[in-house]
Amino acid sequence: MKSVQQEVDERSNLAGTNKFELLLFRLGGDDKGEHSELFGINVFKIREIVAMPTITKVAGAPEHVLGVVNLRGQIIQVLDLPGIAGVKPVTGLNIMLVTEFARTTQAFAVESVEEIVRLDWTQVMSAERSAGSGMVTSIARLEAQDGQPPRLAQVLDVETILRKLNPQDDQQNIEHAVGPRMKLKPGSIILAADDSVVARALIEQGLDAMGLPFVMTKSGKEAWEQLNAIATAAEAEGKTVYDKIALVLTDLEMPEMDGFTLTRNIKSSPRFGSMPVVIHSSLSGSTNEEHVKSVRADAYVAKFSAEDLSRTLRGILGQ
């Protein structure tokens, strides 16, 4: 257990290399204790890995909320991740993953932790067409090693999980938060990229409420291809890409090409170098904000606050 925690603490700076580290864990299997699948979460989201402490049950807690723990003076909600995923742990809920993202701290109970693997985002494919529940955002392909055959790990969409457990009246909140509608140059749009179904829906609601036309993509690779296609079409009309795209809004964690790499590609290209890029991510903390600066993004907004997003976009767009 200590060696896994050490790997979390000592992880390398992979920002801008299109690589990341995935913590692999298991939740359990079917009713017979079989078919225990491998799951993963980005190491950047992990604050701590601890043996399961005593949990205090909270009266009237929603389904799959086990209760709360007191971790060095901080009260943290503990979620039953196997229950959410519809599987049963064979040996019990032995490990607690404490995570920090999207402005919140929460813990997930899991059966066991396996290892940390370093992957390229090109090894990660979108699972949207194959994962009907929306809980799995992508599938990571793990290469054969140490006598093990190639494996697949399901990367959980934690944003979707948290929204399902804590539903909110997002549309009303967003419309109230974003303020007066904005206007772009006629014919121009916001190009947005996010691989989470829930995050895309919230972004779309926010941009609609702001009055900003947009094109939504599901990965950095798709956004990069759209950016080049729009630029080529603009040039054929005797215009520039800046006449067609006012700003790029991108997540960080995405299959095939992450937001760091997308931003670096944009900023290092003579064709797009002056294009404003705003990174909009659930990966929070000073370390990630430093990474954002290193790839020359124009701004960073932590998910999901419609008010903060609106304020940032107004500043970048001069409105």
C-alpha atoms as a PDB file:
ATOM      1  CA  MET A   1       0.000   0.000   0.000  1.00  0.00           C
ATOM      2  CA  LYS A   2       2.803   2.419   0.861  1.00  0.00           C
ATOM      3  CA  SER A   3       4.477   1.866  -2.482  1.00  0.00           C
ATOM      4  CA  VAL A   4       1.282   2.825  -4.315  1.00  0.00           C
ATOM      5  CA  GLN A   5       0.934   5.977  -2.214  1.00  0.00           C
ATOM      6  CA  GLN A   6       4.571   6.823  -2.918  1.00  0.00           C
ATOM      7  CA  GLU A   7       3.945   6.522  -6.645  1.00  0.00           C
ATOM      8  CA  VAL A   8       1.033   8.948  -6.320  1.00  0.00           C
ATOM      9  CA  ASP A   9       3.179  11.424  -4.372  1.00  0.00           C
ATOM     10  CA  GLU A  10       6.175  11.123  -6.692  1.00  0.00           C
ATOM     11  CA  ARG A  11       4.430  11.094 -10.072  1.00  0.00           C
ATOM     12  CA  SER A  12       6.271  12.854 -12.847  1.00  0.00           C
ATOM     13  CA  ASN A  13       5.158  16.019 -14.539  1.00  0.00           C
ATOM     14  CA  LEU A  14       3.550  14.716 -17.724  1.00  0.00           C
ATOM     15  CA  ALA A  15       1.673  17.863 -18.764  1.00  0.00           C
ATOM     16  CA  GLY A  16       1.988  18.680 -22.436  1.00  0.00           C
ATOM     17  CA  THR A  17       3.394  15.262 -23.395  1.00  0.00           C
ATOM     18  CA  ASN A  18      -0.022  13.684 -24.124  1.00  0.00           C
ATOM     19  CA  LYS A  19       0.778  11.170 -21.372  1.00  0.00           C
ATOM     20  CA  PHE A  20      -0.821  10.592 -17.994  1.00  0.00           C
ATOM     21  CA  GLU A  21      -0.811   8.150 -15.098  1.00  0.00           C
ATOM     22  CA  LEU A  22      -3.798   5.935 -14.356  1.00  0.00           C
ATOM     23  CA  LEU A  23      -4.455   4.365 -10.961  1.00  0.00           C
ATOM     24  CA  LEU A  24      -5.927   0.902 -11.517  1.00  0.00           C
ATOM     25  CA  PHE A  25      -8.358  -0.613  -9.021  1.00  0.00           C
ATOM     26  CA  ARG A  26     -11.067  -3.248  -8.719  1.00  0.00           C
ATOM     27  CA  LEU A  27     -14.596  -2.923  -7.394  1.00  0.00           C
ATOM     28  CA  GLY A  28     -15.790  -6.536  -7.338  1.00  0.00           C
ATOM     29  CA  GLY A  29     -17.639  -8.926  -9.594  1.00  0.00           C
ATOM     30  CA  ASP A  30     -21.033 -10.436 -10.274  1.00  0.00           C
ATOM     31  CA  ASP A  31     -23.205 -12.347  -7.788  1.00  0.00           C
ATOM     32  CA  LYS A  32     -20.814 -15.308  -7.995  1.00  0.00           C
ATOM     33  CA  GLY A  33     -17.776 -13.153  -7.304  1.00  0.00           C
ATOM     34  CA  GLU A  34     -16.544 -13.567 -10.862  1.00  0.00           C
ATOM     35  CA  HIS A  35     -15.603 -11.207 -13.705  1.00  0.00           C
ATOM     36  CA  SER A  36     -13.917  -8.571 -11.549  1.00  0.00           C
ATOM     37  CA  GLU A  37     -13.205  -5.851 -14.082  1.00  0.00           C
ATOM     38  CA  LEU A  38     -10.372  -3.331 -13.986  1.00  0.00           C
ATOM     39  CA  PHE A  39     -11.184   0.350 -13.488  1.00  0.00           C
ATOM     40  CA  GLY A  40      -9.020   3.449 -13.545  1.00  0.00           C
ATOM     41  CA  ILE A  41      -8.859   7.080 -12.451  1.00  0.00           C
ATOM     42  CA  ASN A  42      -6.332   9.756 -13.374  1.00  0.00           C
ATOM     43  CA  VAL A  43      -3.652  10.021 -10.670  1.00  0.00           C
ATOM     44  CA  PHE A  44      -3.927  13.822 -10.804  1.00  0.00           C
ATOM     45  CA  LYS A  45      -7.344  13.463  -9.151  1.00  0.00           C
ATOM     46  CA  ILE A  46      -6.087  11.343  -6.247  1.00  0.00           C
ATOM     47  CA  ARG A  47      -5.196  13.138  -3.038  1.00  0.00           C
ATOM     48  CA  GLU A  48      -4.707  10.081  -0.853  1.00  0.00           C
ATOM     49  CA  ILE A  49      -5.099   6.322  -0.764  1.00  0.00           C
ATOM     50  CA  VAL A  50      -5.910   4.987   2.717  1.00  0.00           C
ATOM     51  CA  ALA A  51      -7.101   1.784   4.331  1.00  0.00           C
ATOM     52  CA  MET A  52     -10.834   2.043   4.965  1.00  0.00           C
ATOM     53  CA  PRO A  53     -11.401   3.975   8.222  1.00  0.00           C
ATOM     54  CA  THR A  54     -14.507   3.840  10.404  1.00  0.00           C
ATOM     55  CA  ILE A  55     -17.433   5.415   8.548  1.00  0.00           C
ATOM     56  CA  THR A  56     -20.162   7.381  10.324  1.00  0.00           C
ATOM     57  CA  LYS A  57     -23.532   6.726   8.722  1.00  0.00           C
ATOM     58  CA  VAL A  58     -25.564   9.865   8.056  1.00  0.00           C
ATOM     59  CA  ALA A  59     -29.322   9.782   8.606  1.00  0.00           C
ATOM     60  CA  GLY A  60     -31.290  10.131   5.380  1.00  0.00           C
ATOM     61  CA  ALA A  61     -28.214   9.863   3.154  1.00  0.00           C
ATOM     62  CA  PRO A  62     -28.899   9.098  -0.532  1.00  0.00           C
ATOM     63  CA  GLU A  63     -28.413   5.613  -1.896  1.00  0.00           C
ATOM     64  CA  HIS A  64     -24.749   4.673  -2.362  1.00  0.00           C
ATOM     65  CA  VAL A  65     -23.571   7.294   0.147  1.00  0.00           C
ATOM     66  CA  LEU A  66     -21.949   5.197   2.889  1.00  0.00           C
ATOM     67  CA  GLY A  67     -21.567   8.144   5.260  1.00  0.00           C
ATOM     68  CA  VAL A  68     -18.709  10.423   6.255  1.00  0.00           C
ATOM     69  CA  VAL A  69     -15.220  10.095   7.727  1.00  0.00           C
ATOM     70  CA  ASN A  70     -13.100  12.511   9.719  1.00  0.00           C
ATOM     71  CA  LEU A  71      -9.757  12.635   7.928  1.00  0.00           C
ATOM     72  CA  ARG A  72      -7.363  14.912   9.831  1.00  0.00           C
ATOM     73  CA  GLY A  73     -10.122  17.309  10.761  1.00  0.00           C
ATOM     74  CA  GLN A  74     -11.890  17.334   7.390  1.00  0.00           C
ATOM     75  CA  ILE A  75     -15.308  15.707   7.103  1.00  0.00           C
ATOM     76  CA  ILE A  76     -15.445  13.826   3.789  1.00  0.00           C
ATOM     77  CA  GLN A  77     -18.372  12.043   2.156  1.00  0.00           C
ATOM     78  CA  VAL A  78     -17.688   8.402   1.260  1.00  0.00           C
ATOM     79  CA  LEU A  79     -19.369   6.905  -1.811  1.00  0.00           C
ATOM     80  CA  ASP A  80     -19.975   3.208  -2.460  1.00  0.00           C
ATOM     81  CA  LEU A  81     -18.358   2.926  -5.881  1.00  0.00           C
ATOM     82  CA  PRO A  82     -19.069  -0.826  -6.321  1.00  0.00           C
ATOM     83  CA  GLY A  83     -22.736  -0.176  -5.530  1.00  0.00           C
ATOM     84  CA  ILE A  84     -22.845   2.663  -8.043  1.00  0.00           C
ATOM     85  CA  ALA A  85     -21.246   0.415 -10.678  1.00  0.00           C
ATOM     86  CA  GLY A  86     -23.635  -2.456  -9.893  1.00  0.00           C
ATOM     87  CA  VAL A  87     -21.015  -4.963  -8.712  1.00  0.00           C
ATOM     88  CA  LYS A  88     -20.269  -6.704  -5.398  1.00  0.00           C
ATOM     89  CA  PRO A  89     -16.866  -6.715  -3.681  1.00  0.00           C
ATOM     90  CA  VAL A  90     -15.724 -10.223  -2.770  1.00  0.00           C
ATOM     91  CA  THR A  91     -13.394  -9.261   0.085  1.00  0.00           C
ATOM     92  CA  GLY A  92     -15.174  -6.072   1.173  1.00  0.00           C
ATOM     93  CA  LEU A  93     -14.663  -2.343   0.839  1.00  0.00           C
ATOM     94  CA  ASN A  94     -11.027  -2.252   1.886  1.00  0.00           C
ATOM     95  CA  ILE A  95      -9.585   0.919   0.360  1.00  0.00           C
ATOM     96  CA  MET A  96     -10.673   4.549   0.274  1.00  0.00           C
ATOM     97  CA  LEU A  97      -9.605   6.798  -2.602  1.00  0.00           C
ATOM     98  CA  VAL A  98      -9.720  10.458  -1.547  1.00  0.00           C
ATOM     99  CA  THR A  99     -10.149  12.632  -4.609  1.00  0.00           C
ATOM    100  CA  GLU A 100     -10.028  16.362  -5.291  1.00  0.00           C
ATOM    101  CA  PHE A 101     -11.577  17.831  -8.406  1.00  0.00           C
ATOM    102  CA  ALA A 102     -14.417  20.053  -9.577  1.00  0.00           C
ATOM    103  CA  ARG A 103     -13.991  22.201  -6.444  1.00  0.00           C
ATOM    104  CA  THR A 104     -14.884  19.323  -4.128  1.00  0.00           C
ATOM    105  CA  THR A 105     -13.272  16.636  -2.004  1.00  0.00           C
ATOM    106  CA  GLN A 106     -14.895  13.223  -1.743  1.00  0.00           C
ATOM    107  CA  ALA A 107     -13.870   9.623  -1.129  1.00  0.00           C
ATOM    108  CA  PHE A 108     -14.675   6.465  -3.070  1.00  0.00           C
ATOM    109  CA  ALA A 109     -14.759   3.055  -1.418  1.00  0.00           C
ATOM    110  CA  VAL A 110     -13.174   0.330  -3.583  1.00  0.00           C
ATOM    111  CA  GLU A 111     -12.224  -3.308  -3.061  1.00  0.00           C
ATOM    112  CA  SER A 112      -8.532  -3.189  -4.009  1.00  0.00           C
ATOM    113  CA  VAL A 113      -5.860  -1.070  -5.662  1.00  0.00           C
ATOM    114  CA  GLU A 114      -3.680  -2.717  -8.311  1.00  0.00           C
ATOM    115  CA  GLU A 115      -0.976  -0.403  -9.652  1.00  0.00           C
ATOM    116  CA  ILE A 116      -0.228   2.851 -11.417  1.00  0.00           C
ATOM    117  CA  VAL A 117       0.462   2.724 -15.146  1.00  0.00           C
ATOM    118  CA  ARG A 118       1.791   5.433 -17.421  1.00  0.00           C
ATOM    119  CA  LEU A 119      -0.118   5.728 -20.682  1.00  0.00           C
ATOM    120  CA  ASP A 120      -0.288   7.866 -23.764  1.00  0.00           C
ATOM    121  CA  TRP A 121      -3.717   9.355 -24.408  1.00  0.00           C
ATOM    122  CA  THR A 122      -3.611   7.668 -27.819  1.00  0.00           C
ATOM    123  CA  GLN A 123      -4.037   4.383 -25.900  1.00  0.00           C
ATOM    124  CA  VAL A 124      -7.378   5.639 -24.583  1.00  0.00           C
ATOM    125  CA  MET A 125     -10.491   5.358 -26.717  1.00  0.00           C
ATOM    126  CA  SER A 126     -13.876   6.964 -26.119  1.00  0.00           C
ATOM    127  CA  ALA A 127     -16.401   4.560 -24.591  1.00  0.00           C
ATOM    128  CA  GLU A 128     -19.448   6.653 -25.366  1.00  0.00           C
ATOM    129  CA  ARG A 129     -20.851   4.266 -27.966  1.00  0.00           C
ATOM    130  CA  SER A 130     -20.243   1.176 -25.843  1.00  0.00           C
ATOM    131  CA  ALA A 131     -21.035   2.402 -22.327  1.00  0.00           C
ATOM    132  CA  GLY A 132     -24.747   3.040 -22.158  1.00  0.00           C
ATOM    133  CA  SER A 133     -24.822   4.181 -18.518  1.00  0.00           C
ATOM    134  CA  GLY A 134     -22.550   7.152 -19.147  1.00  0.00           C
ATOM    135  CA  MET A 135     -20.454   6.171 -16.099  1.00  0.00           C
ATOM    136  CA  VAL A 136     -17.466   5.145 -18.211  1.00  0.00           C
ATOM    137  CA  THR A 137     -15.943   7.939 -20.250  1.00  0.00           C
ATOM    138  CA  SER A 138     -13.227   5.915 -21.993  1.00  0.00           C
ATOM    139  CA  ILE A 139     -11.422   2.586 -22.264  1.00  0.00           C
ATOM    140  CA  ALA A 140      -7.652   2.374 -21.702  1.00  0.00           C
ATOM    141  CA  ARG A 141      -5.712  -0.298 -23.568  1.00  0.00           C
ATOM    142  CA  LEU A 142      -2.947  -1.692 -21.359  1.00  0.00           C
ATOM    143  CA  GLU A 143      -0.062  -3.401 -23.114  1.00  0.00           C
ATOM    144  CA  ALA A 144       1.101  -6.899 -22.209  1.00  0.00           C
ATOM    145  CA  GLN A 145       3.846  -6.954 -19.580  1.00  0.00           C
ATOM    146  CA  ASP A 146       5.376  -9.261 -16.969  1.00  0.00           C
ATOM    147  CA  GLY A 147       3.668 -12.259 -18.512  1.00  0.00           C
ATOM    148  CA  GLN A 148       0.242 -10.623 -18.379  1.00  0.00           C
ATOM    149  CA  PRO A 149      -1.846 -10.463 -21.546  1.00  0.00           C
ATOM    150  CA  PRO A 150      -3.092  -7.099 -22.852  1.00  0.00           C
ATOM    151  CA  ARG A 151      -5.843  -5.697 -20.635  1.00  0.00           C
ATOM    152  CA  LEU A 152      -8.608  -3.123 -20.795  1.00  0.00           C
ATOM    153  CA  ALA A 153      -9.374  -0.659 -17.989  1.00  0.00           C
ATOM    154  CA  GLN A 154     -12.593   1.341 -17.762  1.00  0.00           C
ATOM    155  CA  VAL A 155     -11.947   5.014 -16.971  1.00  0.00           C
ATOM    156  CA  LEU A 156     -14.813   6.268 -14.850  1.00  0.00           C
ATOM    157  CA  ASP A 157     -16.596   9.546 -15.593  1.00  0.00           C
ATOM    158  CA  VAL A 158     -16.623  10.794 -12.018  1.00  0.00           C
ATOM    159  CA  GLU A 159     -18.400  14.023 -12.995  1.00  0.00           C
ATOM    160  CA  THR A 160     -21.381  11.995 -14.211  1.00  0.00           C
ATOM    161  CA  ILE A 161     -21.346   9.836 -11.081  1.00  0.00           C
ATOM    162  CA  LEU A 162     -21.378  12.860  -8.770  1.00  0.00           C
ATOM    163  CA  ARG A 163     -24.110  14.620 -10.741  1.00  0.00           C
ATOM    164  CA  LYS A 164     -26.309  11.528 -10.584  1.00  0.00           C
ATOM    165  CA  LEU A 165     -25.864  11.301  -6.820  1.00  0.00           C
ATOM    166  CA  ASN A 166     -26.350  15.048  -6.289  1.00  0.00           C
ATOM    167  CA  PRO A 167     -28.691  16.278  -9.033  1.00  0.00           C
ATOM    168  CA  GLN A 168     -29.149  20.015  -9.365  1.00  0.00           C
ATOM    169  CA  ASP A 169     -31.458  22.321 -11.265  1.00  0.00           C
ATOM    170  CA  ASP A 170     -28.605  23.326 -13.533  1.00  0.00           C
ATOM    171  CA  GLN A 171     -30.513  25.236 -16.187  1.00  0.00           C
ATOM    172  CA  GLN A 172     -32.108  27.652 -13.727  1.00  0.00           C
ATOM    173  CA  ASN A 173     -28.804  28.134 -11.882  1.00  0.00           C
ATOM    174  CA  ILE A 174     -26.885  28.695 -15.116  1.00  0.00           C
ATOM    175  CA  GLU A 175     -29.286  31.246 -16.576  1.00  0.00           C
ATOM    176  CA  HIS A 176     -29.168  33.209 -13.336  1.00  0.00           C
ATOM    177  CA  ALA A 177     -25.379  33.038 -13.061  1.00  0.00           C
ATOM    178  CA  VAL A 178     -24.122  33.963 -16.525  1.00  0.00           C
ATOM    179  CA  GLY A 179     -25.487  37.497 -16.708  1.00  0.00           C
ATOM    180  CA  PRO A 180     -26.328  39.430 -19.897  1.00  0.00           C
ATOM    181  CA  ARG A 181     -26.015  37.628 -23.210  1.00  0.00           C
ATOM    182  CA  MET A 182     -22.857  38.176 -25.259  1.00  0.00           C
ATOM    183  CA  LYS A 183     -22.348  38.741 -28.967  1.00  0.00           C
ATOM    184  CA  LEU A 184     -19.625  37.370 -31.209  1.00  0.00           C
ATOM    185  CA  LYS A 185     -18.529  38.604 -34.600  1.00  0.00           C
ATOM    186  CA  PRO A 186     -21.206  37.425 -37.078  1.00  0.00           C
ATOM    187  CA  GLY A 187     -20.329  33.959 -38.363  1.00  0.00           C
ATOM    188  CA  SER A 188     -17.916  33.094 -35.553  1.00  0.00           C
ATOM    189  CA  ILE A 189     -18.291  30.444 -32.857  1.00  0.00           C
ATOM    190  CA  ILE A 190     -16.773  28.972 -29.712  1.00  0.00           C
ATOM    191  CA  LEU A 191     -15.014  25.643 -30.388  1.00  0.00           C
ATOM    192  CA  ALA A 192     -15.399  23.449 -27.287  1.00  0.00           C
ATOM    193  CA  ALA A 193     -14.000  20.023 -26.367  1.00  0.00           C
ATOM    194  CA  ASP A 194     -14.958  17.707 -23.493  1.00  0.00           C
ATOM    195  CA  ASP A 195     -15.270  13.927 -23.279  1.00  0.00           C
ATOM    196  CA  SER A 196     -17.775  13.814 -20.399  1.00  0.00           C
ATOM    197  CA  VAL A 197     -21.456  13.576 -21.337  1.00  0.00           C
ATOM    198  CA  VAL A 198     -22.490  15.552 -18.247  1.00  0.00           C
ATOM    199  CA  ALA A 199     -19.797  18.191 -18.715  1.00  0.00           C
ATOM    200  CA  ARG A 200     -20.764  18.711 -22.360  1.00  0.00           C
ATOM    201  CA  ALA A 201     -24.395  19.168 -21.374  1.00  0.00           C
ATOM    202  CA  LEU A 202     -23.472  21.771 -18.737  1.00  0.00           C
ATOM    203  CA  ILE A 203     -21.149  23.611 -21.124  1.00  0.00           C
ATOM    204  CA  GLU A 204     -23.816  23.635 -23.826  1.00  0.00           C
ATOM    205  CA  GLN A 205     -26.381  25.016 -21.370  1.00  0.00           C
ATOM    206  CA  GLY A 206     -23.922  27.679 -20.251  1.00  0.00           C
ATOM    207  CA  LEU A 207     -22.938  28.796 -23.755  1.00  0.00           C
ATOM    208  CA  ASP A 208     -26.608  28.845 -24.818  1.00  0.00           C
ATOM    209  CA  ALA A 209     -27.470  30.997 -21.802  1.00  0.00           C
ATOM    210  CA  MET A 210     -24.607  33.359 -22.696  1.00  0.00           C
ATOM    211  CA  GLY A 211     -25.899  33.632 -26.264  1.00  0.00           C
ATOM    212  CA  LEU A 212     -22.687  32.167 -27.705  1.00  0.00           C
ATOM    213  CA  PRO A 213     -22.906  29.873 -30.761  1.00  0.00           C
ATOM    214  CA  PHE A 214     -20.591  26.886 -30.493  1.00  0.00           C
ATOM    215  CA  VAL A 215     -19.376  23.642 -32.001  1.00  0.00           C
ATOM    216  CA  MET A 216     -18.938  20.863 -29.426  1.00  0.00           C
ATOM    217  CA  THR A 217     -16.362  18.095 -29.843  1.00  0.00           C
ATOM    218  CA  LYS A 218     -15.581  15.031 -27.712  1.00  0.00           C
ATOM    219  CA  SER A 219     -11.788  14.993 -27.651  1.00  0.00           C
ATOM    220  CA  GLY A 220      -8.736  17.129 -28.226  1.00  0.00           C
ATOM    221  CA  LYS A 221      -8.062  15.257 -31.464  1.00  0.00           C
ATOM    222  CA  GLU A 222     -11.556  15.983 -32.773  1.00  0.00           C
ATOM    223  CA  ALA A 223     -11.223  19.656 -31.776  1.00  0.00           C
ATOM    224  CA  TRP A 224      -7.832  19.900 -33.527  1.00  0.00           C
ATOM    225  CA  GLU A 225      -9.288  18.376 -36.698  1.00  0.00           C
ATOM    226  CA  GLN A 226     -12.284  20.741 -36.553  1.00  0.00           C
ATOM    227  CA  LEU A 227      -9.993  23.725 -36.033  1.00  0.00           C
ATOM    228  CA  ASN A 228      -7.949  22.848 -39.120  1.00  0.00           C
ATOM    229  CA  ALA A 229     -11.042  22.127 -41.208  1.00  0.00           C
ATOM    230  CA  ILE A 230     -12.653  25.435 -40.262  1.00  0.00           C
ATOM    231  CA  ALA A 231      -9.399  27.288 -40.971  1.00  0.00           C
ATOM    232  CA  THR A 232      -9.150  25.696 -44.435  1.00  0.00           C
ATOM    233  CA  ALA A 233     -12.771  26.602 -45.208  1.00  0.00           C
ATOM    234  CA  ALA A 234     -12.205  30.172 -44.040  1.00  0.00           C
ATOM    235  CA  GLU A 235      -9.119  30.554 -46.236  1.00  0.00           C
ATOM    236  CA  ALA A 236     -11.096  29.302 -49.233  1.00  0.00           C
ATOM    237  CA  GLU A 237     -13.499  32.210 -48.584  1.00  0.00           C
ATOM    238  CA  GLY A 238     -10.640  34.693 -48.363  1.00  0.00           C
ATOM    239  CA  LYS A 239     -10.965  34.917 -44.579  1.00  0.00           C
ATOM    240  CA  THR A 240      -8.935  33.704 -41.593  1.00  0.00           C
ATOM    241  CA  VAL A 241      -9.709  31.213 -38.860  1.00  0.00           C
ATOM    242  CA  TYR A 242     -10.173  34.182 -36.500  1.00  0.00           C
ATOM    243  CA  ASP A 243     -13.228  35.216 -38.532  1.00  0.00           C
ATOM    244  CA  LYS A 244     -14.772  31.808 -37.813  1.00  0.00           C
ATOM    245  CA  ILE A 245     -13.601  30.894 -34.292  1.00  0.00           C
ATOM    246  CA  ALA A 246     -13.529  33.402 -31.455  1.00  0.00           C
ATOM    247  CA  LEU A 247     -12.111  31.102 -28.770  1.00  0.00           C
ATOM    248  CA  VAL A 248     -11.270  27.465 -27.966  1.00  0.00           C
ATOM    249  CA  LEU A 249     -12.654  26.053 -24.699  1.00  0.00           C
ATOM    250  CA  THR A 250     -11.093  22.717 -23.749  1.00  0.00           C
ATOM    251  CA  ASP A 251     -11.107  20.092 -21.028  1.00  0.00           C
ATOM    252  CA  LEU A 252      -7.779  18.510 -19.996  1.00  0.00           C
ATOM    253  CA  GLU A 253      -8.547  14.782 -19.658  1.00  0.00           C
ATOM    254  CA  MET A 254      -9.641  13.465 -23.048  1.00  0.00           C
ATOM    255  CA  PRO A 255      -9.003  10.300 -25.064  1.00  0.00           C
ATOM    256  CA  GLU A 256      -6.588  10.367 -28.016  1.00  0.00           C
ATOM    257  CA  MET A 257      -5.348  13.924 -27.362  1.00  0.00           C
ATOM    258  CA  ASP A 258      -5.518  15.749 -24.036  1.00  0.00           C
ATOM    259  CA  GLY A 259      -6.193  19.441 -23.524  1.00  0.00           C
ATOM    260  CA  PHE A 260      -2.572  20.246 -22.713  1.00  0.00           C
ATOM    261  CA  THR A 261      -1.448  18.858 -26.071  1.00  0.00           C
ATOM    262  CA  LEU A 262      -4.303  20.553 -27.929  1.00  0.00           C
ATOM    263  CA  THR A 263      -3.389  23.904 -26.359  1.00  0.00           C
ATOM    264  CA  ARG A 264       0.322  23.448 -27.095  1.00  0.00           C
ATOM    265  CA  ASN A 265      -0.484  22.548 -30.728  1.00  0.00           C
ATOM    266  CA  ILE A 266      -2.608  25.664 -31.115  1.00  0.00           C
ATOM    267  CA  LYS A 267      -0.158  28.048 -29.469  1.00  0.00           C
ATOM    268  CA  SER A 268       2.879  26.711 -31.343  1.00  0.00           C
ATOM    269  CA  SER A 269       1.197  26.892 -34.764  1.00  0.00           C
ATOM    270  CA  PRO A 270       1.767  29.941 -37.015  1.00  0.00           C
ATOM    271  CA  ARG A 271      -1.772  29.352 -38.267  1.00  0.00           C
ATOM    272  CA  PHE A 272      -3.445  29.520 -34.830  1.00  0.00           C
ATOM    273  CA  GLY A 273      -0.900  31.057 -32.458  1.00  0.00           C
ATOM    274  CA  SER A 274      -3.081  34.051 -31.529  1.00  0.00           C
ATOM    275  CA  MET A 275      -6.210  31.952 -30.936  1.00  0.00           C
ATOM    276  CA  PRO A 276      -7.479  32.425 -27.346  1.00  0.00           C
ATOM    277  CA  VAL A 277      -7.607  29.131 -25.423  1.00  0.00           C
ATOM    278  CA  VAL A 278      -9.447  28.669 -22.129  1.00  0.00           C
ATOM    279  CA  ILE A 279      -8.882  25.430 -20.208  1.00  0.00           C
ATOM    280  CA  HIS A 280     -11.968  24.262 -18.330  1.00  0.00           C
ATOM    281  CA  SER A 281     -11.169  21.305 -16.126  1.00  0.00           C
ATOM    282  CA  SER A 282     -12.099  19.351 -13.007  1.00  0.00           C
ATOM    283  CA  LEU A 283      -8.358  18.899 -12.371  1.00  0.00           C
ATOM    284  CA  SER A 284      -7.826  21.656  -9.826  1.00  0.00           C
ATOM    285  CA  GLY A 285      -4.924  22.742  -7.658  1.00  0.00           C
ATOM    286  CA  SER A 286      -1.843  24.938  -8.052  1.00  0.00           C
ATOM    287  CA  THR A 287       0.175  22.218  -9.825  1.00  0.00           C
ATOM    288  CA  ASN A 288      -2.310  21.905 -12.652  1.00  0.00           C
ATOM    289  CA  GLU A 289      -2.667  25.672 -12.914  1.00  0.00           C
ATOM    290  CA  GLU A 290       1.119  25.898 -13.385  1.00  0.00           C
ATOM    291  CA  HIS A 291       0.877  23.295 -16.150  1.00  0.00           C
ATOM    292  CA  VAL A 292      -1.801  25.441 -17.795  1.00  0.00           C
ATOM    293  CA  LYS A 293       0.573  28.404 -17.815  1.00  0.00           C
ATOM    294  CA  SER A 294       3.358  26.266 -19.275  1.00  0.00           C
ATOM    295  CA  VAL A 295       1.314  25.499 -22.406  1.00  0.00           C
ATOM    296  CA  ARG A 296       0.387  29.215 -22.724  1.00  0.00           C
ATOM    297  CA  ALA A 297      -3.356  28.915 -22.241  1.00  0.00           C
ATOM    298  CA  ASP A 298      -5.045  32.306 -21.878  1.00  0.00           C
ATOM    299  CA  ALA A 299      -7.093  31.297 -18.826  1.00  0.00           C
ATOM    300  CA  TYR A 300      -8.034  28.420 -16.549  1.00  0.00           C
ATOM    301  CA  VAL A 301     -11.516  27.808 -15.098  1.00  0.00           C
ATOM    302  CA  ALA A 302     -12.258  25.020 -12.633  1.00  0.00           C
ATOM    303  CA  LYS A 303     -15.458  23.063 -13.314  1.00  0.00           C
ATOM    304  CA  PHE A 304     -18.254  23.741 -12.971  1.00  0.00           C
ATOM    305  CA  SER A 305     -19.246  27.304 -12.176  1.00  0.00           C
ATOM    306  CA  ALA A 306     -21.293  29.008 -14.862  1.00  0.00           C
ATOM    307  CA  GLU A 307     -20.573  32.359 -13.223  1.00  0.00           C
ATOM    308  CA  ASP A 308     -16.791  31.863 -13.328  1.00  0.00           C
ATOM    309  CA  LEU A 309     -16.940  30.541 -16.888  1.00  0.00           C
ATOM    310  CA  SER A 310     -19.021  33.530 -18.008  1.00  0.00           C
ATOM    311  CA  ARG A 311     -16.685  35.987 -16.280  1.00  0.00           C
ATOM    312  CA  THR A 312     -13.629  34.401 -17.881  1.00  0.00           C
ATOM    313  CA  LEU A 313     -15.118  34.293 -21.378  1.00  0.00           C
ATOM    314  CA  ARG A 314     -16.212  37.934 -21.096  1.00  0.00           C
ATOM    315  CA  GLY A 315     -12.695  38.935 -20.130  1.00  0.00           C
ATOM    316  CA  ILE A 316     -11.059  37.030 -22.992  1.00  0.00           C
ATOM    317  CA  LEU A 317     -13.632  38.184 -25.551  1.00  0.00           C
ATOM    318  CA  GLY A 318     -13.456  41.800 -24.390  1.00  0.00           C
ATOM    319  CA  GLN A 319     -17.073  41.891 -23.251  1.00  0.00           C
END
